[in-house]
Amino acid sequence: MSKKKNMPSKETIQEAHAIAKATQRPGQTKEQTKLIEKGIQKGIAEYKKRQKSKARELDKKLKQSRRDLNATNDKETSGFADKPPQQPRSINVLLPWALLLASWIGFIGFMMFEV
């Protein structure tokens, strides 16, 4: 297998060339400018490698935390499947039944006094 030499992208080359031209000193030869340009290209390539590495590590941590969260959620839901959930008795549940009972009592009372 032959290793493919990493060639910088056109954008990287253009950016390095622009930076090298901008920092060029009077009396500096073209060879010196090209060496500076190559150094800038290497620096940009190294920066991009580090950023990709950081992004991969962050993505791995994010995926792992999602897996952990899903695993804990699965454990919690499996615990609830064993026993039925208990509904708390609240006024919202009892209110309709109380109103129905009161209306029937009122109706029966009305019928008794009407006769």
N, C-alpha and C. Protein backbone atom coordinates (compact mmCIF):
# COMPACT_ATOMS: atom_id res chain seq x y z
N MET A 1 0.83 -1.19 0.00
CA MET A 1 0.00 0.00 0.00
C MET A 1 0.87 1.25 0.00
N SER A 2 0.54 2.14 -0.83
CA SER A 2 1.27 3.39 -0.85
C SER A 2 0.49 4.44 -0.09
N LYS A 3 1.19 5.20 0.69
CA LYS A 3 0.54 6.27 1.45
C LYS A 3 0.35 7.47 0.55
N LYS A 4 -0.82 7.99 0.58
CA LYS A 4 -1.12 9.17 -0.22
C LYS A 4 -0.67 10.39 0.57
N LYS A 5 0.13 11.20 -0.05
CA LYS A 5 0.63 12.40 0.61
C LYS A 5 -0.50 13.41 0.70
N ASN A 6 -0.70 13.93 1.88
CA ASN A 6 -1.78 14.91 2.07
C ASN A 6 -1.44 16.20 1.35
N MET A 7 -2.22 16.49 0.34
CA MET A 7 -2.06 17.73 -0.40
C MET A 7 -3.03 18.74 0.18
N PRO A 8 -2.56 19.94 0.44
CA PRO A 8 -3.48 20.96 0.95
C PRO A 8 -4.49 21.37 -0.10
N SER A 9 -5.62 21.82 0.34
CA SER A 9 -6.67 22.22 -0.60
C SER A 9 -6.28 23.54 -1.29
N LYS A 10 -6.99 23.84 -2.35
CA LYS A 10 -6.71 25.08 -3.10
C LYS A 10 -6.94 26.30 -2.22
N GLU A 11 -7.98 26.22 -1.39
CA GLU A 11 -8.28 27.36 -0.51
C GLU A 11 -7.14 27.59 0.48
N THR A 12 -6.59 26.48 1.00
CA THR A 12 -5.48 26.59 1.95
C THR A 12 -4.25 27.19 1.27
N ILE A 13 -3.99 26.75 0.07
CA ILE A 13 -2.84 27.28 -0.68
C ILE A 13 -3.01 28.77 -0.95
N GLN A 14 -4.21 29.16 -1.38
CA GLN A 14 -4.46 30.57 -1.66
C GLN A 14 -4.36 31.41 -0.39
N GLU A 15 -4.91 30.88 0.69
CA GLU A 15 -4.85 31.63 1.95
C GLU A 15 -3.41 31.78 2.44
N ALA A 16 -2.61 30.70 2.35
CA ALA A 16 -1.22 30.76 2.75
C ALA A 16 -0.44 31.74 1.87
N HIS A 17 -0.73 31.72 0.58
CA HIS A 17 -0.05 32.63 -0.34
C HIS A 17 -0.38 34.09 0.00
N ALA A 18 -1.64 34.36 0.29
CA ALA A 18 -2.04 35.73 0.62
C ALA A 18 -1.37 36.19 1.92
N ILE A 19 -1.30 35.30 2.90
CA ILE A 19 -0.67 35.68 4.18
C ILE A 19 0.83 35.90 3.98
N ALA A 20 1.48 35.03 3.20
CA ALA A 20 2.92 35.17 2.95
C ALA A 20 3.21 36.46 2.22
N LYS A 21 2.38 36.81 1.25
CA LYS A 21 2.58 38.07 0.52
C LYS A 21 2.36 39.28 1.44
N ALA A 22 1.39 39.16 2.33
CA ALA A 22 1.08 40.29 3.21
C ALA A 22 2.19 40.52 4.22
N THR A 23 2.88 39.47 4.62
CA THR A 23 3.94 39.62 5.63
C THR A 23 5.34 39.71 5.01
N GLN A 24 5.40 39.80 3.70
CA GLN A 24 6.69 39.84 3.02
C GLN A 24 7.44 41.13 3.36
N ARG A 25 8.73 40.98 3.66
CA ARG A 25 9.59 42.12 4.01
C ARG A 25 10.33 42.63 2.77
N PRO A 26 10.69 43.88 2.79
CA PRO A 26 11.48 44.40 1.65
C PRO A 26 12.83 43.67 1.56
N GLY A 27 13.20 43.29 0.37
CA GLY A 27 14.47 42.60 0.15
C GLY A 27 14.36 41.09 0.34
N GLN A 28 13.19 40.59 0.64
CA GLN A 28 13.01 39.15 0.85
C GLN A 28 12.92 38.46 -0.51
N THR A 29 13.63 37.35 -0.67
CA THR A 29 13.63 36.65 -1.96
C THR A 29 12.36 35.82 -2.12
N LYS A 30 12.11 35.42 -3.38
CA LYS A 30 10.94 34.60 -3.66
C LYS A 30 11.02 33.24 -2.97
N GLU A 31 12.26 32.71 -2.88
CA GLU A 31 12.45 31.41 -2.23
C GLU A 31 12.08 31.50 -0.75
N GLN A 32 12.47 32.59 -0.11
CA GLN A 32 12.13 32.77 1.30
C GLN A 32 10.61 32.89 1.48
N THR A 33 9.99 33.62 0.57
CA THR A 33 8.54 33.78 0.63
C THR A 33 7.85 32.43 0.44
N LYS A 34 8.37 31.60 -0.48
CA LYS A 34 7.79 30.28 -0.70
C LYS A 34 7.96 29.39 0.53
N LEU A 35 9.10 29.50 1.20
CA LEU A 35 9.31 28.72 2.42
C LEU A 35 8.32 29.15 3.51
N ILE A 36 8.12 30.43 3.62
CA ILE A 36 7.15 30.95 4.59
C ILE A 36 5.75 30.45 4.23
N GLU A 37 5.44 30.48 2.94
CA GLU A 37 4.14 30.01 2.47
C GLU A 37 3.92 28.54 2.81
N LYS A 38 4.96 27.71 2.61
CA LYS A 38 4.87 26.29 2.95
C LYS A 38 4.66 26.10 4.45
N GLY A 39 5.35 26.89 5.26
CA GLY A 39 5.17 26.81 6.71
C GLY A 39 3.75 27.17 7.12
N ILE A 40 3.21 28.19 6.49
CA ILE A 40 1.84 28.60 6.78
C ILE A 40 0.87 27.50 6.38
N GLN A 41 1.12 26.87 5.21
CA GLN A 41 0.26 25.76 4.77
C GLN A 41 0.29 24.62 5.77
N LYS A 42 1.47 24.28 6.26
CA LYS A 42 1.59 23.22 7.25
C LYS A 42 0.85 23.59 8.54
N GLY A 43 0.97 24.84 8.93
CA GLY A 43 0.28 25.30 10.14
C GLY A 43 -1.24 25.21 10.00
N ILE A 44 -1.73 25.62 8.84
CA ILE A 44 -3.17 25.55 8.59
C ILE A 44 -3.62 24.09 8.58
N ALA A 45 -2.84 23.21 7.93
CA ALA A 45 -3.19 21.79 7.87
C ALA A 45 -3.20 21.18 9.28
N GLU A 46 -2.22 21.53 10.09
CA GLU A 46 -2.16 21.03 11.46
C GLU A 46 -3.35 21.53 12.28
N TYR A 47 -3.70 22.79 12.11
CA TYR A 47 -4.87 23.35 12.81
C TYR A 47 -6.14 22.61 12.42
N LYS A 48 -6.31 22.36 11.11
CA LYS A 48 -7.50 21.65 10.64
C LYS A 48 -7.55 20.23 11.20
N LYS A 49 -6.39 19.56 11.27
CA LYS A 49 -6.34 18.21 11.83
C LYS A 49 -6.77 18.23 13.29
N ARG A 50 -6.29 19.19 14.05
CA ARG A 50 -6.65 19.28 15.47
C ARG A 50 -8.14 19.56 15.64
N GLN A 51 -8.67 20.44 14.80
CA GLN A 51 -10.09 20.76 14.90
C GLN A 51 -10.94 19.53 14.56
N LYS A 52 -10.54 18.77 13.54
CA LYS A 52 -11.28 17.55 13.19
C LYS A 52 -11.20 16.54 14.33
N SER A 53 -10.02 16.44 14.93
CA SER A 53 -9.85 15.51 16.04
C SER A 53 -10.74 15.90 17.22
N LYS A 54 -10.77 17.20 17.53
CA LYS A 54 -11.63 17.67 18.62
C LYS A 54 -13.10 17.42 18.32
N ALA A 55 -13.48 17.64 17.07
CA ALA A 55 -14.87 17.42 16.68
C ALA A 55 -15.24 15.93 16.79
N ARG A 56 -14.32 15.06 16.39
CA ARG A 56 -14.58 13.61 16.51
C ARG A 56 -14.73 13.21 17.97
N GLU A 57 -13.83 13.71 18.82
CA GLU A 57 -13.91 13.37 20.25
C GLU A 57 -15.21 13.88 20.86
N LEU A 58 -15.59 15.09 20.50
CA LEU A 58 -16.84 15.65 21.01
C LEU A 58 -18.02 14.83 20.53
N ASP A 59 -17.99 14.40 19.28
CA ASP A 59 -19.07 13.59 18.73
C ASP A 59 -19.15 12.24 19.44
N LYS A 60 -17.99 11.63 19.73
CA LYS A 60 -17.96 10.36 20.45
C LYS A 60 -18.55 10.53 21.85
N LYS A 61 -18.18 11.59 22.54
CA LYS A 61 -18.71 11.83 23.88
C LYS A 61 -20.21 12.06 23.84
N LEU A 62 -20.67 12.79 22.84
CA LEU A 62 -22.10 13.06 22.70
C LEU A 62 -22.87 11.77 22.44
N LYS A 63 -22.35 10.93 21.55
CA LYS A 63 -23.01 9.66 21.26
C LYS A 63 -23.02 8.76 22.50
N GLN A 64 -21.92 8.74 23.24
CA GLN A 64 -21.84 7.92 24.44
C GLN A 64 -22.83 8.40 25.49
N SER A 65 -22.94 9.71 25.65
CA SER A 65 -23.89 10.23 26.64
C SER A 65 -25.32 9.93 26.22
N ARG A 66 -25.60 9.97 24.92
CA ARG A 66 -26.93 9.60 24.44
C ARG A 66 -27.22 8.13 24.70
N ARG A 67 -26.21 7.27 24.47
CA ARG A 67 -26.39 5.84 24.74
C ARG A 67 -26.66 5.62 26.22
N ASP A 68 -25.89 6.29 27.07
CA ASP A 68 -26.08 6.15 28.52
C ASP A 68 -27.46 6.62 28.93
N LEU A 69 -27.90 7.72 28.37
CA LEU A 69 -29.22 8.26 28.70
C LEU A 69 -30.31 7.31 28.24
N ASN A 70 -30.17 6.75 27.04
CA ASN A 70 -31.16 5.79 26.55
C ASN A 70 -31.18 4.53 27.41
N ALA A 71 -30.01 4.09 27.85
CA ALA A 71 -29.95 2.90 28.69
C ALA A 71 -30.65 3.14 30.03
N THR A 72 -30.43 4.31 30.63
CA THR A 72 -31.08 4.60 31.91
C THR A 72 -32.58 4.76 31.72
N ASN A 73 -32.99 5.35 30.60
CA ASN A 73 -34.43 5.48 30.32
C ASN A 73 -35.07 4.11 30.12
N ASP A 74 -34.35 3.20 29.44
CA ASP A 74 -34.88 1.86 29.24
C ASP A 74 -35.03 1.13 30.56
N LYS A 75 -34.05 1.31 31.46
CA LYS A 75 -34.14 0.67 32.78
C LYS A 75 -35.31 1.23 33.56
N GLU A 76 -35.51 2.54 33.49
CA GLU A 76 -36.60 3.16 34.23
C GLU A 76 -37.95 2.71 33.68
N THR A 77 -38.09 2.64 32.37
CA THR A 77 -39.37 2.23 31.79
C THR A 77 -39.63 0.76 32.04
N SER A 78 -38.59 -0.06 32.08
CA SER A 78 -38.80 -1.48 32.36
C SER A 78 -39.24 -1.66 33.80
N GLY A 79 -38.78 -0.82 34.70
CA GLY A 79 -39.22 -0.87 36.10
C GLY A 79 -40.68 -0.51 36.23
N PHE A 80 -41.17 0.41 35.41
CA PHE A 80 -42.57 0.81 35.45
C PHE A 80 -43.47 -0.25 34.82
N ALA A 81 -42.92 -1.06 33.92
CA ALA A 81 -43.73 -2.07 33.26
C ALA A 81 -44.10 -3.19 34.24
N ASP A 82 -43.30 -3.39 35.29
CA ASP A 82 -43.57 -4.44 36.25
C ASP A 82 -44.81 -4.14 37.08
N LYS A 83 -45.00 -2.91 37.47
CA LYS A 83 -46.16 -2.55 38.28
C LYS A 83 -46.90 -1.41 37.59
N PRO A 84 -48.22 -1.42 37.66
CA PRO A 84 -48.98 -0.37 36.98
C PRO A 84 -48.78 0.98 37.67
N PRO A 85 -48.79 2.04 36.91
CA PRO A 85 -48.61 3.36 37.51
C PRO A 85 -49.82 3.72 38.37
N GLN A 86 -49.56 4.36 39.48
CA GLN A 86 -50.64 4.76 40.37
C GLN A 86 -51.02 6.20 40.08
N GLN A 87 -52.32 6.40 39.85
CA GLN A 87 -52.83 7.73 39.57
C GLN A 87 -53.16 8.41 40.90
N PRO A 88 -52.65 9.56 41.14
CA PRO A 88 -53.00 10.25 42.37
C PRO A 88 -54.44 10.76 42.30
N ARG A 89 -55.16 10.63 43.40
CA ARG A 89 -56.53 11.14 43.46
C ARG A 89 -56.44 12.65 43.63
N SER A 90 -56.99 13.32 42.70
CA SER A 90 -56.97 14.77 42.79
C SER A 90 -58.37 15.29 42.59
N ILE A 91 -58.55 16.57 42.82
CA ILE A 91 -59.86 17.18 42.69
C ILE A 91 -60.34 17.15 41.25
N ASN A 92 -59.41 17.13 40.30
CA ASN A 92 -59.78 17.09 38.90
C ASN A 92 -60.44 15.77 38.53
N VAL A 93 -60.10 14.70 39.21
CA VAL A 93 -60.68 13.40 38.93
C VAL A 93 -62.04 13.27 39.62
N LEU A 94 -62.17 13.79 40.84
CA LEU A 94 -63.39 13.63 41.62
C LEU A 94 -64.47 14.65 41.29
N LEU A 95 -64.11 15.77 40.74
CA LEU A 95 -65.06 16.84 40.49
C LEU A 95 -66.21 16.44 39.56
N PRO A 96 -65.99 15.79 38.44
CA PRO A 96 -67.12 15.41 37.58
C PRO A 96 -68.10 14.47 38.28
N TRP A 97 -67.57 13.52 39.04
CA TRP A 97 -68.44 12.59 39.75
C TRP A 97 -69.25 13.30 40.83
N ALA A 98 -68.63 14.24 41.52
CA ALA A 98 -69.35 14.98 42.55
C ALA A 98 -70.47 15.83 41.94
N LEU A 99 -70.19 16.45 40.80
CA LEU A 99 -71.23 17.25 40.13
C LEU A 99 -72.37 16.37 39.64
N LEU A 100 -72.08 15.19 39.14
CA LEU A 100 -73.11 14.26 38.69
C LEU A 100 -73.99 13.83 39.87
N LEU A 101 -73.37 13.49 40.98
CA LEU A 101 -74.11 13.09 42.17
C LEU A 101 -75.00 14.23 42.67
N ALA A 102 -74.44 15.45 42.69
CA ALA A 102 -75.22 16.60 43.16
C ALA A 102 -76.40 16.87 42.24
N SER A 103 -76.23 16.72 40.94
CA SER A 103 -77.34 16.97 40.03
C SER A 103 -78.43 15.92 40.20
N TRP A 104 -78.07 14.66 40.42
CA TRP A 104 -79.09 13.62 40.65
C TRP A 104 -79.82 13.86 41.98
N ILE A 105 -79.11 14.24 43.01
CA ILE A 105 -79.75 14.54 44.30
C ILE A 105 -80.71 15.72 44.12
N GLY A 106 -80.29 16.72 43.40
CA GLY A 106 -81.15 17.87 43.14
C GLY A 106 -82.37 17.48 42.34
N PHE A 107 -82.22 16.64 41.35
CA PHE A 107 -83.34 16.19 40.53
C PHE A 107 -84.33 15.38 41.36
N ILE A 108 -83.84 14.45 42.19
CA ILE A 108 -84.71 13.64 43.04
C ILE A 108 -85.42 14.52 44.05
N GLY A 109 -84.72 15.47 44.66
CA GLY A 109 -85.33 16.40 45.60
C GLY A 109 -86.42 17.25 44.95
N PHE A 110 -86.18 17.73 43.77
CA PHE A 110 -87.15 18.52 43.03
C PHE A 110 -88.42 17.71 42.75
N MET A 111 -88.22 16.45 42.36
CA MET A 111 -89.36 15.58 42.06
C MET A 111 -90.17 15.27 43.32
N MET A 112 -89.52 15.15 44.45
CA MET A 112 -90.23 14.84 45.71
C MET A 112 -91.09 16.03 46.16
N PHE A 113 -90.53 17.24 46.03
CA PHE A 113 -91.27 18.42 46.48
C PHE A 113 -92.33 18.83 45.46
N GLU A 114 -92.23 18.43 44.27
CA GLU A 114 -93.19 18.78 43.21
C GLU A 114 -94.48 17.97 43.35
N VAL A 115 -94.38 16.76 43.83
CA VAL A 115 -95.55 15.88 43.94
C VAL A 115 -96.42 16.22 45.08
